[in-house]
N, C-alpha and C. Protein backbone atom coordinates (compact mmCIF):
# COMPACT_ATOMS: atom_id res chain seq x y z
N UNK A 1 -41.21 3.26 -105.75
CA UNK A 1 -40.63 4.73 -104.87
C UNK A 1 -39.46 4.25 -104.08
N UNK A 2 -38.78 4.00 -103.82
CA UNK A 2 -38.97 4.58 -102.28
C UNK A 2 -37.84 5.93 -101.68
N UNK A 3 -39.01 6.40 -100.18
CA UNK A 3 -39.06 7.72 -100.23
C UNK A 3 -37.89 7.97 -98.21
N UNK A 4 -37.31 7.78 -97.91
CA UNK A 4 -36.49 7.89 -97.25
C UNK A 4 -37.66 7.56 -96.25
N UNK A 5 -36.45 6.27 -96.54
CA UNK A 5 -37.23 5.34 -94.84
C UNK A 5 -36.00 4.75 -94.19
N UNK A 6 -36.41 4.94 -92.91
CA UNK A 6 -35.30 4.49 -92.14
C UNK A 6 -36.22 3.75 -90.85
N UNK A 7 -34.97 2.40 -90.20
CA UNK A 7 -35.13 2.22 -89.17
C UNK A 7 -34.31 1.33 -88.00
N UNK A 8 -34.40 2.25 -86.85
CA UNK A 8 -33.24 1.05 -85.86
C UNK A 8 -33.04 0.13 -85.46
N UNK A 9 -32.38 -0.06 -84.73
CA UNK A 9 -31.66 -1.34 -84.30
C UNK A 9 -33.15 -2.39 -83.73
N UNK A 10 -33.49 -3.22 -83.81
CA UNK A 10 -34.62 -3.85 -83.58
C UNK A 10 -36.56 -3.69 -84.08
N UNK A 11 -36.05 -3.01 -85.25
CA UNK A 11 -37.32 -2.16 -85.95
C UNK A 11 -37.55 -3.61 -86.70
N UNK A 12 -38.81 -3.52 -87.34
CA UNK A 12 -38.75 -4.55 -88.35
C UNK A 12 -38.87 -3.06 -89.48
N UNK A 13 -37.99 -3.75 -90.54
CA UNK A 13 -37.65 -3.45 -91.54
C UNK A 13 -39.21 -3.38 -92.44
N UNK A 14 -39.55 -2.26 -92.84
CA UNK A 14 -40.55 -2.49 -94.19
C UNK A 14 -40.73 -2.70 -95.12
N UNK A 15 -41.64 -4.26 -95.18
CA UNK A 15 -42.19 -4.86 -96.32
C UNK A 15 -41.13 -4.38 -97.93
N UNK A 16 -41.81 -3.15 -97.89
CA UNK A 16 -41.69 -2.38 -99.22
C UNK A 16 -39.84 -1.78 -100.43
N UNK A 17 -39.59 -2.47 -98.70
CA UNK A 17 -37.71 -2.03 -98.72
C UNK A 17 -36.86 -3.01 -98.26
N UNK A 18 -37.53 -4.12 -97.80
CA UNK A 18 -36.24 -5.47 -98.17
C UNK A 18 -35.91 -5.66 -98.32
N UNK A 19 -36.41 -6.23 -99.98
CA UNK A 19 -35.18 -6.52 -100.63
C UNK A 19 -33.80 -5.31 -101.33
N UNK A 20 -34.29 -3.61 -100.99
CA UNK A 20 -33.72 -2.78 -100.81
C UNK A 20 -31.87 -3.29 -100.41
N UNK A 21 -32.35 -3.79 -98.78
CA UNK A 21 -31.87 -4.39 -97.69
C UNK A 21 -30.87 -6.02 -97.43
N UNK A 22 -30.99 -6.42 -98.43
CA UNK A 22 -30.95 -7.94 -98.52
C UNK A 22 -31.47 -9.00 -97.77
N UNK A 23 -33.21 -8.52 -97.89
CA UNK A 23 -34.28 -9.53 -96.96
C UNK A 23 -34.26 -9.60 -95.55
N UNK A 24 -33.87 -8.40 -95.09
CA UNK A 24 -33.65 -8.13 -93.30
C UNK A 24 -34.59 -7.80 -93.33
N UNK A 25 -35.16 -9.06 -92.57
CA UNK A 25 -36.17 -8.64 -91.69
C UNK A 25 -36.81 -7.77 -90.64
N UNK A 26 -35.60 -8.07 -89.73
CA UNK A 26 -35.59 -7.24 -88.11
C UNK A 26 -33.61 -6.35 -88.84
N UNK A 27 -33.92 -5.10 -88.14
CA UNK A 27 -32.08 -4.08 -88.05
C UNK A 27 -31.77 -4.84 -87.09
N UNK A 28 -30.31 -5.30 -87.40
CA UNK A 28 -29.61 -5.72 -86.42
C UNK A 28 -29.20 -4.82 -85.79
N UNK A 29 -28.79 -5.21 -84.02
CA UNK A 29 -28.52 -4.36 -83.38
C UNK A 29 -27.13 -3.57 -83.54
N UNK A 30 -26.58 -2.66 -83.90
CA UNK A 30 -25.71 -1.67 -83.25
C UNK A 30 -25.82 -1.31 -84.89
N UNK A 31 -26.64 -1.92 -85.95
CA UNK A 31 -27.50 -0.54 -87.29
C UNK A 31 -28.31 -0.23 -87.37
N UNK A 32 -28.34 0.41 -88.74
CA UNK A 32 -30.08 0.99 -88.96
C UNK A 32 -29.34 0.91 -90.47
N UNK A 33 -31.10 0.98 -91.23
CA UNK A 33 -31.76 1.15 -91.99
C UNK A 33 -31.78 2.53 -92.50
N UNK A 34 -31.11 2.65 -93.56
CA UNK A 34 -31.55 4.53 -94.33
C UNK A 34 -32.06 4.64 -95.08
N UNK A 35 -32.91 4.52 -96.46
CA UNK A 35 -32.79 4.64 -97.58
C UNK A 35 -33.69 5.88 -98.02
N UNK A 36 -32.75 6.89 -99.40
CA UNK A 36 -32.98 8.23 -99.32
C UNK A 36 -34.20 7.61 -100.61
N UNK A 37 -34.51 9.27 -101.13
CA UNK A 37 -35.51 8.82 -102.39
C UNK A 37 -34.74 10.37 -103.30
N UNK A 38 -35.23 10.56 -104.69
CA UNK A 38 -35.25 12.18 -105.01
C UNK A 38 -36.03 13.61 -104.00
N UNK A 39 -35.63 14.67 -104.50
CA UNK A 39 -36.41 14.97 -103.33
C UNK A 39 -36.27 16.25 -104.70
N UNK A 40 -38.46 16.67 -104.14
CA UNK A 40 -39.35 17.29 -104.47
C UNK A 40 -39.06 18.16 -105.57
N UNK A 41 -37.87 19.13 -104.40
CA UNK A 41 -37.57 20.68 -104.57
C UNK A 41 -36.65 20.64 -106.17
N UNK A 42 -35.05 19.82 -105.44
CA UNK A 42 -34.65 19.89 -106.57
C UNK A 42 -34.15 19.08 -107.55
N UNK A 43 -34.92 17.85 -107.28
CA UNK A 43 -35.32 16.09 -108.35
C UNK A 43 -33.25 15.38 -107.65
N UNK A 44 -33.24 15.96 -107.19
CA UNK A 44 -31.39 15.73 -106.85
C UNK A 44 -31.22 14.42 -106.24
N UNK A 45 -31.17 12.79 -106.08
CA UNK A 45 -31.04 12.00 -105.28
C UNK A 45 -30.14 12.04 -104.15
N UNK A 46 -31.86 12.67 -102.80
CA UNK A 46 -31.13 12.99 -102.19
C UNK A 46 -30.62 11.48 -100.45
N UNK A 47 -30.31 11.53 -100.18
CA UNK A 47 -29.83 10.60 -98.09
C UNK A 47 -30.00 11.37 -96.64
N UNK A 48 -31.60 10.80 -95.83
CA UNK A 48 -31.00 11.64 -95.08
C UNK A 48 -30.75 10.49 -94.34
N UNK A 49 -29.74 11.02 -92.98
CA UNK A 49 -29.24 10.87 -92.03
C UNK A 49 -29.90 10.33 -90.83
N UNK A 50 -31.59 11.51 -90.83
CA UNK A 50 -32.30 11.98 -89.11
C UNK A 50 -31.69 13.42 -88.70
N UNK A 51 -33.26 12.77 -88.14
CA UNK A 51 -31.93 14.66 -87.09
C UNK A 51 -31.65 14.58 -86.07
N UNK A 52 -30.21 15.59 -86.91
CA UNK A 52 -29.15 15.62 -86.03
C UNK A 52 -28.65 16.93 -85.80
N UNK A 53 -28.05 17.49 -86.68
CA UNK A 53 -27.11 18.51 -86.60
C UNK A 53 -27.97 19.20 -87.97
N UNK A 54 -28.97 18.73 -87.93
CA UNK A 54 -29.86 19.93 -88.94
C UNK A 54 -29.69 19.56 -90.65
N UNK A 55 -30.88 20.11 -91.52
CA UNK A 55 -30.71 19.34 -92.35
C UNK A 55 -29.62 19.61 -93.34
N UNK A 56 -29.48 21.25 -93.46
CA UNK A 56 -27.99 21.50 -93.89
C UNK A 56 -26.90 19.26 -94.04
N UNK A 57 -26.59 19.86 -92.84
CA UNK A 57 -25.55 18.13 -92.43
C UNK A 57 -25.99 16.84 -92.84
N UNK A 58 -27.76 17.02 -92.64
CA UNK A 58 -28.02 15.99 -92.51
C UNK A 58 -28.92 14.42 -93.60
N UNK A 59 -28.91 16.07 -94.55
CA UNK A 59 -29.37 15.83 -95.96
C UNK A 59 -28.82 15.49 -97.38
N UNK A 60 -27.44 14.49 -97.84
CA UNK A 60 -26.67 14.61 -98.91
C UNK A 60 -27.28 15.15 -100.18
N UNK A 61 -27.44 15.69 -101.14
CA UNK A 61 -27.17 15.37 -101.94
C UNK A 61 -27.83 16.91 -102.94
N UNK A 62 -29.39 16.92 -102.08
CA UNK A 62 -29.26 18.05 -102.14
C UNK A 62 -29.11 19.12 -103.83
N UNK A 63 -29.89 19.53 -104.48
CA UNK A 63 -28.82 20.61 -105.69
C UNK A 63 -28.85 22.00 -104.85
N UNK A 64 -27.17 22.25 -105.97
CA UNK A 64 -27.89 23.88 -105.35
C UNK A 64 -28.73 25.01 -105.41
N UNK A 65 -29.65 26.07 -104.32
CA UNK A 65 -30.08 26.41 -104.85
C UNK A 65 -31.70 25.93 -103.95
N UNK A 66 -31.50 23.98 -103.54
CA UNK A 66 -32.99 23.47 -103.11
C UNK A 66 -33.90 24.54 -102.76
N UNK A 67 -35.12 24.56 -103.02
CA UNK A 67 -36.06 24.86 -102.20
C UNK A 67 -36.45 24.05 -100.89
N UNK A 68 -36.86 23.64 -100.83
CA UNK A 68 -37.19 22.03 -99.99
C UNK A 68 -35.23 22.72 -98.86
N UNK A 69 -34.85 22.01 -99.25
CA UNK A 69 -33.35 22.44 -98.43
C UNK A 69 -33.39 23.90 -98.28
N UNK A 70 -33.35 25.26 -98.80
CA UNK A 70 -33.79 26.07 -97.80
C UNK A 70 -34.57 25.85 -96.73
N UNK A 71 -36.59 25.23 -97.42
CA UNK A 71 -36.71 25.56 -96.11
C UNK A 71 -36.87 25.37 -94.41
N UNK A 72 -36.22 23.66 -94.68
CA UNK A 72 -36.05 22.63 -94.11
C UNK A 72 -35.03 23.62 -93.10
N UNK A 73 -34.02 23.98 -93.89
CA UNK A 73 -32.59 24.41 -93.29
C UNK A 73 -33.43 25.53 -92.12
N UNK A 74 -33.85 26.29 -93.30
CA UNK A 74 -34.68 28.14 -92.08
C UNK A 74 -35.89 26.92 -90.87
N UNK A 75 -36.36 25.95 -91.17
CA UNK A 75 -37.17 26.06 -90.21
C UNK A 75 -36.18 25.36 -89.24
N UNK A 76 -34.98 24.64 -88.99
CA UNK A 76 -34.10 24.57 -88.55
C UNK A 76 -33.48 25.31 -87.25
N UNK A 77 -33.59 26.60 -87.83
CA UNK A 77 -33.01 27.31 -87.71
C UNK A 77 -33.83 28.69 -87.00
N UNK A 78 -35.11 28.20 -87.24
CA UNK A 78 -36.01 28.64 -86.86
C UNK A 78 -36.51 27.65 -85.40
N UNK A 79 -35.61 26.94 -84.65
CA UNK A 79 -36.74 25.70 -84.21
C UNK A 79 -37.33 25.16 -84.65
N UNK A 80 -38.01 25.12 -85.57
CA UNK A 80 -39.01 24.15 -86.17
C UNK A 80 -37.84 23.06 -86.45
N UNK A 81 -39.55 21.59 -86.43
CA UNK A 81 -38.87 20.36 -86.74
C UNK A 81 -39.44 20.44 -88.37
N UNK A 82 -38.46 19.72 -89.03
CA UNK A 82 -38.47 19.58 -90.56
C UNK A 82 -39.33 18.92 -90.76
N UNK A 83 -40.53 19.42 -91.49
CA UNK A 83 -41.58 18.56 -92.26
C UNK A 83 -41.22 17.12 -92.97
N UNK A 84 -42.00 16.65 -92.93
CA UNK A 84 -41.95 15.30 -93.10
C UNK A 84 -40.83 14.44 -92.53
């Protein structure tokens, strides 16, 4: 299972996920690698685009009433970084 792996330009792509990105070993300039997993709270497949606009906008795919998304959003609103 792949869980939220991100790599920025010029970063090494973790060997465990290279097959999912056509075998690329290093992220090319201007691109990023972002893979999601299933949420532990709602079980839905979630993609996380990173910390930018807050979990409500950056984490797509959560089910209605997801407790993990609710906790991450509350932390964001309170000025705390999201866990994990």
